[in-house]
C-alpha atoms as a PDB file:
ATOM      1  CA  MET A   1      72.353  37.614 -21.840  1.00  0.00           C
ATOM      2  CA  ASP A   2      74.833  40.290 -22.920  1.00  0.00           C
ATOM      3  CA  GLU A   3      74.458  42.487 -26.005  1.00  0.00           C
ATOM      4  CA  LYS A   4      77.058  40.621 -28.061  1.00  0.00           C
ATOM      5  CA  ARG A   5      75.396  37.254 -27.432  1.00  0.00           C
ATOM      6  CA  ILE A   6      71.947  38.676 -28.284  1.00  0.00           C
ATOM      7  CA  ILE A   7      73.262  40.040 -31.590  1.00  0.00           C
ATOM      8  CA  GLU A   8      74.947  36.730 -32.450  1.00  0.00           C
ATOM      9  CA  THR A   9      71.798  34.768 -31.585  1.00  0.00           C
ATOM     10  CA  PHE A  10      69.657  37.026 -33.763  1.00  0.00           C
ATOM     11  CA  LEU A  11      72.041  36.832 -36.707  1.00  0.00           C
ATOM     12  CA  GLN A  12      72.067  33.035 -36.511  1.00  0.00           C
ATOM     13  CA  ALA A  13      68.307  32.513 -36.117  1.00  0.00           C
ATOM     14  CA  ARG A  14      66.818  35.692 -37.678  1.00  0.00           C
ATOM     15  CA  ASN A  15      63.376  35.003 -36.253  1.00  0.00           C
ATOM     16  CA  GLU A  16      60.794  37.055 -34.351  1.00  0.00           C
ATOM     17  CA  ALA A  17      61.767  35.702 -30.932  1.00  0.00           C
ATOM     18  CA  THR A  18      65.442  36.614 -31.263  1.00  0.00           C
ATOM     19  CA  PHE A  19      64.482  39.928 -32.879  1.00  0.00           C
ATOM     20  CA  GLY A  20      62.432  40.798 -29.787  1.00  0.00           C
ATOM     21  CA  GLU A  21      65.532  40.407 -27.623  1.00  0.00           C
ATOM     22  CA  LEU A  22      67.614  42.366 -30.124  1.00  0.00           C
ATOM     23  CA  PHE A  23      65.005  45.131 -30.240  1.00  0.00           C
ATOM     24  CA  ALA A  24      65.107  45.512 -26.441  1.00  0.00           C
ATOM     25  CA  VAL A  25      68.881  46.018 -26.558  1.00  0.00           C
ATOM     26  CA  VAL A  26      69.382  48.081 -29.729  1.00  0.00           C
ATOM     27  CA  TYR A  27      66.238  50.241 -29.864  1.00  0.00           C
ATOM     28  CA  PRO A  28      67.194  52.540 -26.930  1.00  0.00           C
ATOM     29  CA  ARG A  29      70.579  53.221 -28.518  1.00  0.00           C
ATOM     30  CA  VAL A  30      69.075  54.076 -31.911  1.00  0.00           C
ATOM     31  CA  GLN A  31      66.415  56.253 -30.304  1.00  0.00           C
ATOM     32  CA  ARG A  32      69.113  58.107 -28.325  1.00  0.00           C
ATOM     33  CA  TYR A  33      71.017  58.677 -31.583  1.00  0.00           C
ATOM     34  CA  PHE A  34      67.993  60.448 -33.052  1.00  0.00           C
ATOM     35  CA  ARG A  35      67.388  62.448 -29.851  1.00  0.00           C
ATOM     36  CA  LEU A  36      70.981  63.646 -29.898  1.00  0.00           C
ATOM     37  CA  ARG A  37      70.456  64.734 -33.497  1.00  0.00           C
ATOM     38  CA  GLY A  38      67.710  67.110 -32.272  1.00  0.00           C
ATOM     39  CA  MET A  39      64.595  65.004 -32.846  1.00  0.00           C
ATOM     40  CA  ASP A  40      61.709  65.221 -30.405  1.00  0.00           C
ATOM     41  CA  SER A  41      60.798  62.058 -28.482  1.00  0.00           C
ATOM     42  CA  MET A  42      57.962  60.932 -30.733  1.00  0.00           C
ATOM     43  CA  MET A  43      59.885  61.415 -33.981  1.00  0.00           C
ATOM     44  CA  ALA A  44      62.930  59.678 -32.491  1.00  0.00           C
ATOM     45  CA  GLU A  45      60.718  56.722 -31.540  1.00  0.00           C
ATOM     46  CA  ASP A  46      59.199  56.532 -35.029  1.00  0.00           C
ATOM     47  CA  LEU A  47      62.547  56.700 -36.786  1.00  0.00           C
ATOM     48  CA  ALA A  48      64.124  54.173 -34.399  1.00  0.00           C
ATOM     49  CA  GLN A  49      61.266  51.743 -35.077  1.00  0.00           C
ATOM     50  CA  ASN A  50      61.750  52.226 -38.829  1.00  0.00           C
ATOM     51  CA  VAL A  51      65.444  51.453 -38.445  1.00  0.00           C
ATOM     52  CA  LEU A  52      64.808  48.277 -36.453  1.00  0.00           C
ATOM     53  CA  LEU A  53      62.231  47.132 -39.000  1.00  0.00           C
ATOM     54  CA  LEU A  54      64.837  47.612 -41.738  1.00  0.00           C
ATOM     55  CA  VAL A  55      67.374  45.711 -39.631  1.00  0.00           C
ATOM     56  CA  PHE A  56      64.974  42.786 -39.351  1.00  0.00           C
ATOM     57  CA  GLN A  57      64.157  42.853 -43.067  1.00  0.00           C
ATOM     58  CA  ARG A  58      67.764  43.243 -44.267  1.00  0.00           C
ATOM     59  CA  SER A  59      69.644  41.189 -41.690  1.00  0.00           C
ATOM     60  CA  GLY A  60      70.593  38.675 -44.364  1.00  0.00           C
ATOM     61  CA  GLU A  61      72.595  41.383 -46.172  1.00  0.00           C
ATOM     62  CA  LEU A  62      75.081  41.856 -43.325  1.00  0.00           C
ATOM     63  CA  ARG A  63      78.463  40.426 -44.299  1.00  0.00           C
ATOM     64  CA  ALA A  64      80.422  40.733 -41.037  1.00  0.00           C
ATOM     65  CA  ALA A  65      78.641  40.063 -37.740  1.00  0.00           C
ATOM     66  CA  ASN A  66      81.304  41.943 -35.763  1.00  0.00           C
ATOM     67  CA  LEU A  67      80.259  45.144 -37.600  1.00  0.00           C
ATOM     68  CA  PHE A  68      76.572  44.773 -36.725  1.00  0.00           C
ATOM     69  CA  LEU A  69      76.258  48.012 -34.745  1.00  0.00           C
ATOM     70  CA  GLY A  70      78.086  49.964 -37.436  1.00  0.00           C
ATOM     71  CA  TRP A  71      75.647  48.556 -39.973  1.00  0.00           C
ATOM     72  CA  VAL A  72      72.666  49.460 -37.752  1.00  0.00           C
ATOM     73  CA  PHE A  73      73.873  53.038 -37.346  1.00  0.00           C
ATOM     74  CA  ALA A  74      74.543  53.313 -41.086  1.00  0.00           C
ATOM     75  CA  ILE A  75      70.857  52.489 -41.549  1.00  0.00           C
ATOM     76  CA  ALA A  76      69.951  55.007 -38.815  1.00  0.00           C
ATOM     77  CA  ARG A  77      72.054  57.687 -40.444  1.00  0.00           C
ATOM     78  CA  ASN A  78      70.439  57.040 -43.828  1.00  0.00           C
ATOM     79  CA  GLU A  79      66.987  57.137 -42.217  1.00  0.00           C
ATOM     80  CA  PHE A  80      67.837  60.470 -40.583  1.00  0.00           C
ATOM     81  CA  LEU A  81      69.024  61.921 -43.914  1.00  0.00           C
ATOM     82  CA  ARG A  82      65.901  60.632 -45.674  1.00  0.00           C
ATOM     83  CA  PHE A  83      63.672  62.220 -43.029  1.00  0.00           C
ATOM     84  CA  TRP A  84      65.603  65.482 -43.168  1.00  0.00           C
ATOM     85  CA  ARG A  85      65.335  65.700 -46.980  1.00  0.00           C
ATOM     86  CA  GLN A  86      61.605  64.971 -46.888  1.00  0.00           C
ATOM     87  CA  SER A  87      60.927  67.491 -44.138  1.00  0.00           C
ATOM     88  CA  ARG A  88      62.974  70.147 -45.927  1.00  0.00           C
ATOM     89  CA  ALA A  89      60.851  69.644 -49.024  1.00  0.00           C
ATOM     90  CA  ARG A  90      57.673  70.244 -46.963  1.00  0.00           C
ATOM     91  CA  ILE A  91      58.778  73.420 -45.201  1.00  0.00           C
ATOM     92  CA  GLU A  92      56.123  76.113 -45.182  1.00  0.00           C
ATOM     93  CA  THR A  93      56.022  79.526 -43.588  1.00  0.00           C
ATOM     94  CA  VAL A  94      53.687  79.494 -40.617  1.00  0.00           C
ATOM     95  CA  GLU A  95      52.911  82.188 -38.087  1.00  0.00           C
ATOM     96  CA  PHE A  96      53.149  81.175 -34.455  1.00  0.00           C
ATOM     97  CA  GLU A  97      51.638  82.831 -31.434  1.00  0.00           C
ATOM     98  CA  ALA A  98      54.045  83.865 -28.716  1.00  0.00           C
ATOM     99  CA  VAL A  99      54.346  81.300 -25.955  1.00  0.00           C
ATOM    100  CA  GLU A 100      54.519  82.459 -22.376  1.00  0.00           C
ATOM    101  CA  SER A 101      57.795  81.537 -20.729  1.00  0.00           C
ATOM    102  CA  ASP A 102      57.352  78.550 -18.457  1.00  0.00           C
ATOM    103  CA  HIS A 103      60.273  77.301 -16.433  1.00  0.00           C
ATOM    104  CA  HIS A 104      58.761  73.788 -16.472  1.00  0.00           C
ATOM    105  CA  PHE A 105      58.779  73.570 -20.279  1.00  0.00           C
ATOM    106  CA  ARG A 106      61.876  71.772 -21.511  1.00  0.00           C
ATOM    107  CA  ILE A 107      62.603  70.476 -24.985  1.00  0.00           C
ATOM    108  CA  GLU A 108      65.711  68.436 -24.230  1.00  0.00           C
ATOM    109  CA  PRO A 109      66.258  66.005 -21.370  1.00  0.00           C
ATOM    110  CA  THR A 110      67.737  67.551 -18.245  1.00  0.00           C
ATOM    111  CA  PHE A 111      70.937  65.504 -18.410  1.00  0.00           C
ATOM    112  CA  LEU A 112      71.753  67.059 -21.787  1.00  0.00           C
ATOM    113  CA  GLN A 113      71.159  70.583 -20.515  1.00  0.00           C
ATOM    114  CA  ASP A 114      73.156  70.040 -17.337  1.00  0.00           C
ATOM    115  CA  ALA A 115      76.135  68.592 -19.142  1.00  0.00           C
ATOM    116  CA  ARG A 116      76.025  71.223 -21.911  1.00  0.00           C
ATOM    117  CA  PHE A 117      76.834  68.290 -24.143  1.00  0.00           C
ATOM    118  CA  TYR A 118      74.056  69.066 -26.588  1.00  0.00           C
ATOM    119  CA  GLU A 119      75.194  72.685 -26.895  1.00  0.00           C
ATOM    120  CA  TRP A 120      78.760  71.606 -27.594  1.00  0.00           C
ATOM    121  CA  LEU A 121      77.474  69.252 -30.294  1.00  0.00           C
ATOM    122  CA  ARG A 122      75.712  72.167 -31.991  1.00  0.00           C
ATOM    123  CA  TYR A 123      79.089  73.736 -32.770  1.00  0.00           C
ATOM    124  CA  LEU A 124      80.102  70.689 -34.797  1.00  0.00           C
ATOM    125  CA  ASP A 125      79.253  69.971 -38.407  1.00  0.00           C
ATOM    126  CA  PRO A 126      76.580  67.260 -38.860  1.00  0.00           C
ATOM    127  CA  ALA A 127      79.163  64.629 -39.890  1.00  0.00           C
ATOM    128  CA  GLU A 128      81.334  65.504 -36.878  1.00  0.00           C
ATOM    129  CA  ARG A 129      78.278  65.318 -34.610  1.00  0.00           C
ATOM    130  CA  ASP A 130      77.516  61.844 -35.953  1.00  0.00           C
ATOM    131  CA  LEU A 131      81.072  60.718 -35.258  1.00  0.00           C
ATOM    132  CA  VAL A 132      81.004  62.017 -31.677  1.00  0.00           C
ATOM    133  CA  VAL A 133      77.610  60.528 -30.880  1.00  0.00           C
ATOM    134  CA  LEU A 134      78.388  57.140 -32.391  1.00  0.00           C
ATOM    135  CA  ARG A 135      81.914  56.903 -30.958  1.00  0.00           C
ATOM    136  CA  PHE A 136      81.526  58.370 -27.487  1.00  0.00           C
ATOM    137  CA  VAL A 137      77.832  57.945 -26.669  1.00  0.00           C
ATOM    138  CA  GLU A 138      77.064  54.701 -28.509  1.00  0.00           C
ATOM    139  CA  GLU A 139      80.661  53.487 -28.076  1.00  0.00           C
ATOM    140  CA  LEU A 140      81.073  52.066 -31.571  1.00  0.00           C
ATOM    141  CA  SER A 141      84.532  50.812 -32.437  1.00  0.00           C
ATOM    142  CA  TYR A 142      86.581  52.424 -35.186  1.00  0.00           C
ATOM    143  CA  GLU A 143      85.794  49.442 -37.409  1.00  0.00           C
ATOM    144  CA  GLU A 144      82.052  49.841 -36.789  1.00  0.00           C
ATOM    145  CA  LEU A 145      82.334  53.561 -37.561  1.00  0.00           C
ATOM    146  CA  ALA A 146      84.134  52.755 -40.805  1.00  0.00           C
ATOM    147  CA  CYS A 147      81.205  50.499 -41.697  1.00  0.00           C
ATOM    148  CA  ALA A 148      78.585  53.092 -40.657  1.00  0.00           C
ATOM    149  CA  PHE A 149      80.196  55.869 -42.698  1.00  0.00           C
ATOM    150  CA  ALA A 150      81.496  53.686 -45.545  1.00  0.00           C
ATOM    151  CA  LEU A 151      84.993  55.128 -45.034  1.00  0.00           C
ATOM    152  CA  PRO A 152      88.465  53.621 -44.720  1.00  0.00           C
ATOM    153  CA  LEU A 153      89.550  52.920 -41.147  1.00  0.00           C
ATOM    154  CA  GLY A 154      92.410  55.429 -41.331  1.00  0.00           C
ATOM    155  CA  THR A 155      90.013  58.194 -42.410  1.00  0.00           C
ATOM    156  CA  VAL A 156      87.727  57.448 -39.477  1.00  0.00           C
ATOM    157  CA  LYS A 157      90.657  57.611 -37.036  1.00  0.00           C
ATOM    158  CA  TRP A 158      91.851  60.896 -38.552  1.00  0.00           C
ATOM    159  CA  ARG A 159      88.375  62.429 -38.347  1.00  0.00           C
ATOM    160  CA  ILE A 160      87.952  61.317 -34.721  1.00  0.00           C
ATOM    161  CA  PHE A 161      91.338  62.856 -33.889  1.00  0.00           C
ATOM    162  CA  ASN A 162      90.329  66.153 -35.522  1.00  0.00           C
ATOM    163  CA  VAL A 163      86.878  66.298 -33.969  1.00  0.00           C
ATOM    164  CA  LYS A 164      88.368  65.627 -30.515  1.00  0.00           C
ATOM    165  CA  LYS A 165      90.715  68.600 -31.025  1.00  0.00           C
ATOM    166  CA  LYS A 166      87.805  70.754 -32.150  1.00  0.00           C
ATOM    167  CA  LEU A 167      85.646  69.678 -29.193  1.00  0.00           C
ATOM    168  CA  ALA A 168      88.491  70.363 -26.771  1.00  0.00           C
ATOM    169  CA  GLY A 169      88.662  73.922 -28.122  1.00  0.00           C
ATOM    170  CA  ILE A 170      84.883  74.341 -27.829  1.00  0.00           C
ATOM    171  CA  ILE A 171      84.851  73.036 -24.263  1.00  0.00           C
ATOM    172  CA  SER A 172      87.850  75.209 -23.284  1.00  0.00           C
ATOM    173  CA  ALA A 173      86.211  78.306 -24.746  1.00  0.00           C
ATOM    174  CA  ASP A 174      82.968  77.482 -22.937  1.00  0.00           C
ATOM    175  CA  ALA A 175      84.813  77.001 -19.629  1.00  0.00           C
ATOM    176  CA  ALA A 176      86.708  80.279 -20.087  1.00  0.00           C
ATOM    177  CA  HIS A 177      83.465  82.087 -20.901  1.00  0.00           C
ATOM    178  CA  ASN A 178      81.735  80.657 -17.827  1.00  0.00           C
ATOM    179  CA  GLN A 179      84.729  81.495 -15.635  1.00  0.00           C
ATOM    180  CA  ARG A 180      84.580  85.171 -16.662  1.00  0.00           C
ATOM    181  CA  PHE A 181      80.934  85.434 -15.674  1.00  0.00           C
ATOM    182  CA  ARG A 182      81.133  83.432 -12.461  1.00  0.00           C
ATOM    183  CA  ILE A 183      79.982  85.371  -9.407  1.00  0.00           C
ATOM    184  CA  ASN A 184      82.338  85.090  -6.444  1.00  0.00           C
END
């Protein structure tokens, strides 16, 4: 069954069986959203599970089924902001011991390092990063983005246009930098 049919079935029945199918389809996307926001694997899993629990509990609140993914990522975005605020409030100064360099130790998945995608995202503001991840990684429509960000459709289109221009500049600068240091 395709994603659209699974979402429709869940929204009609709203029971544990249809939620299980929905979870299998939506959970990886929500978890990836958190990973692309810099969360480690375990925290991304926890937050994604929280989001899906909220989706199950609040599914009756959704007004337009065609905006389901936008609604889910609005919940994910709110969950991320809640987590960030709470963790900021608990920040303490801690001394760390130096860690020996180990070429096998990697924080981010290899595909993100190889594509430099994650580094390019770091140059964007958090709201711009959210737009890029939700539009081009999660492939949300403009309408779903408008729902996720609670913005007018025209504003979403304008922001996507601007962030694409900004990303193009970042990628061009990165390519020019790499070209200068390329060994022939």
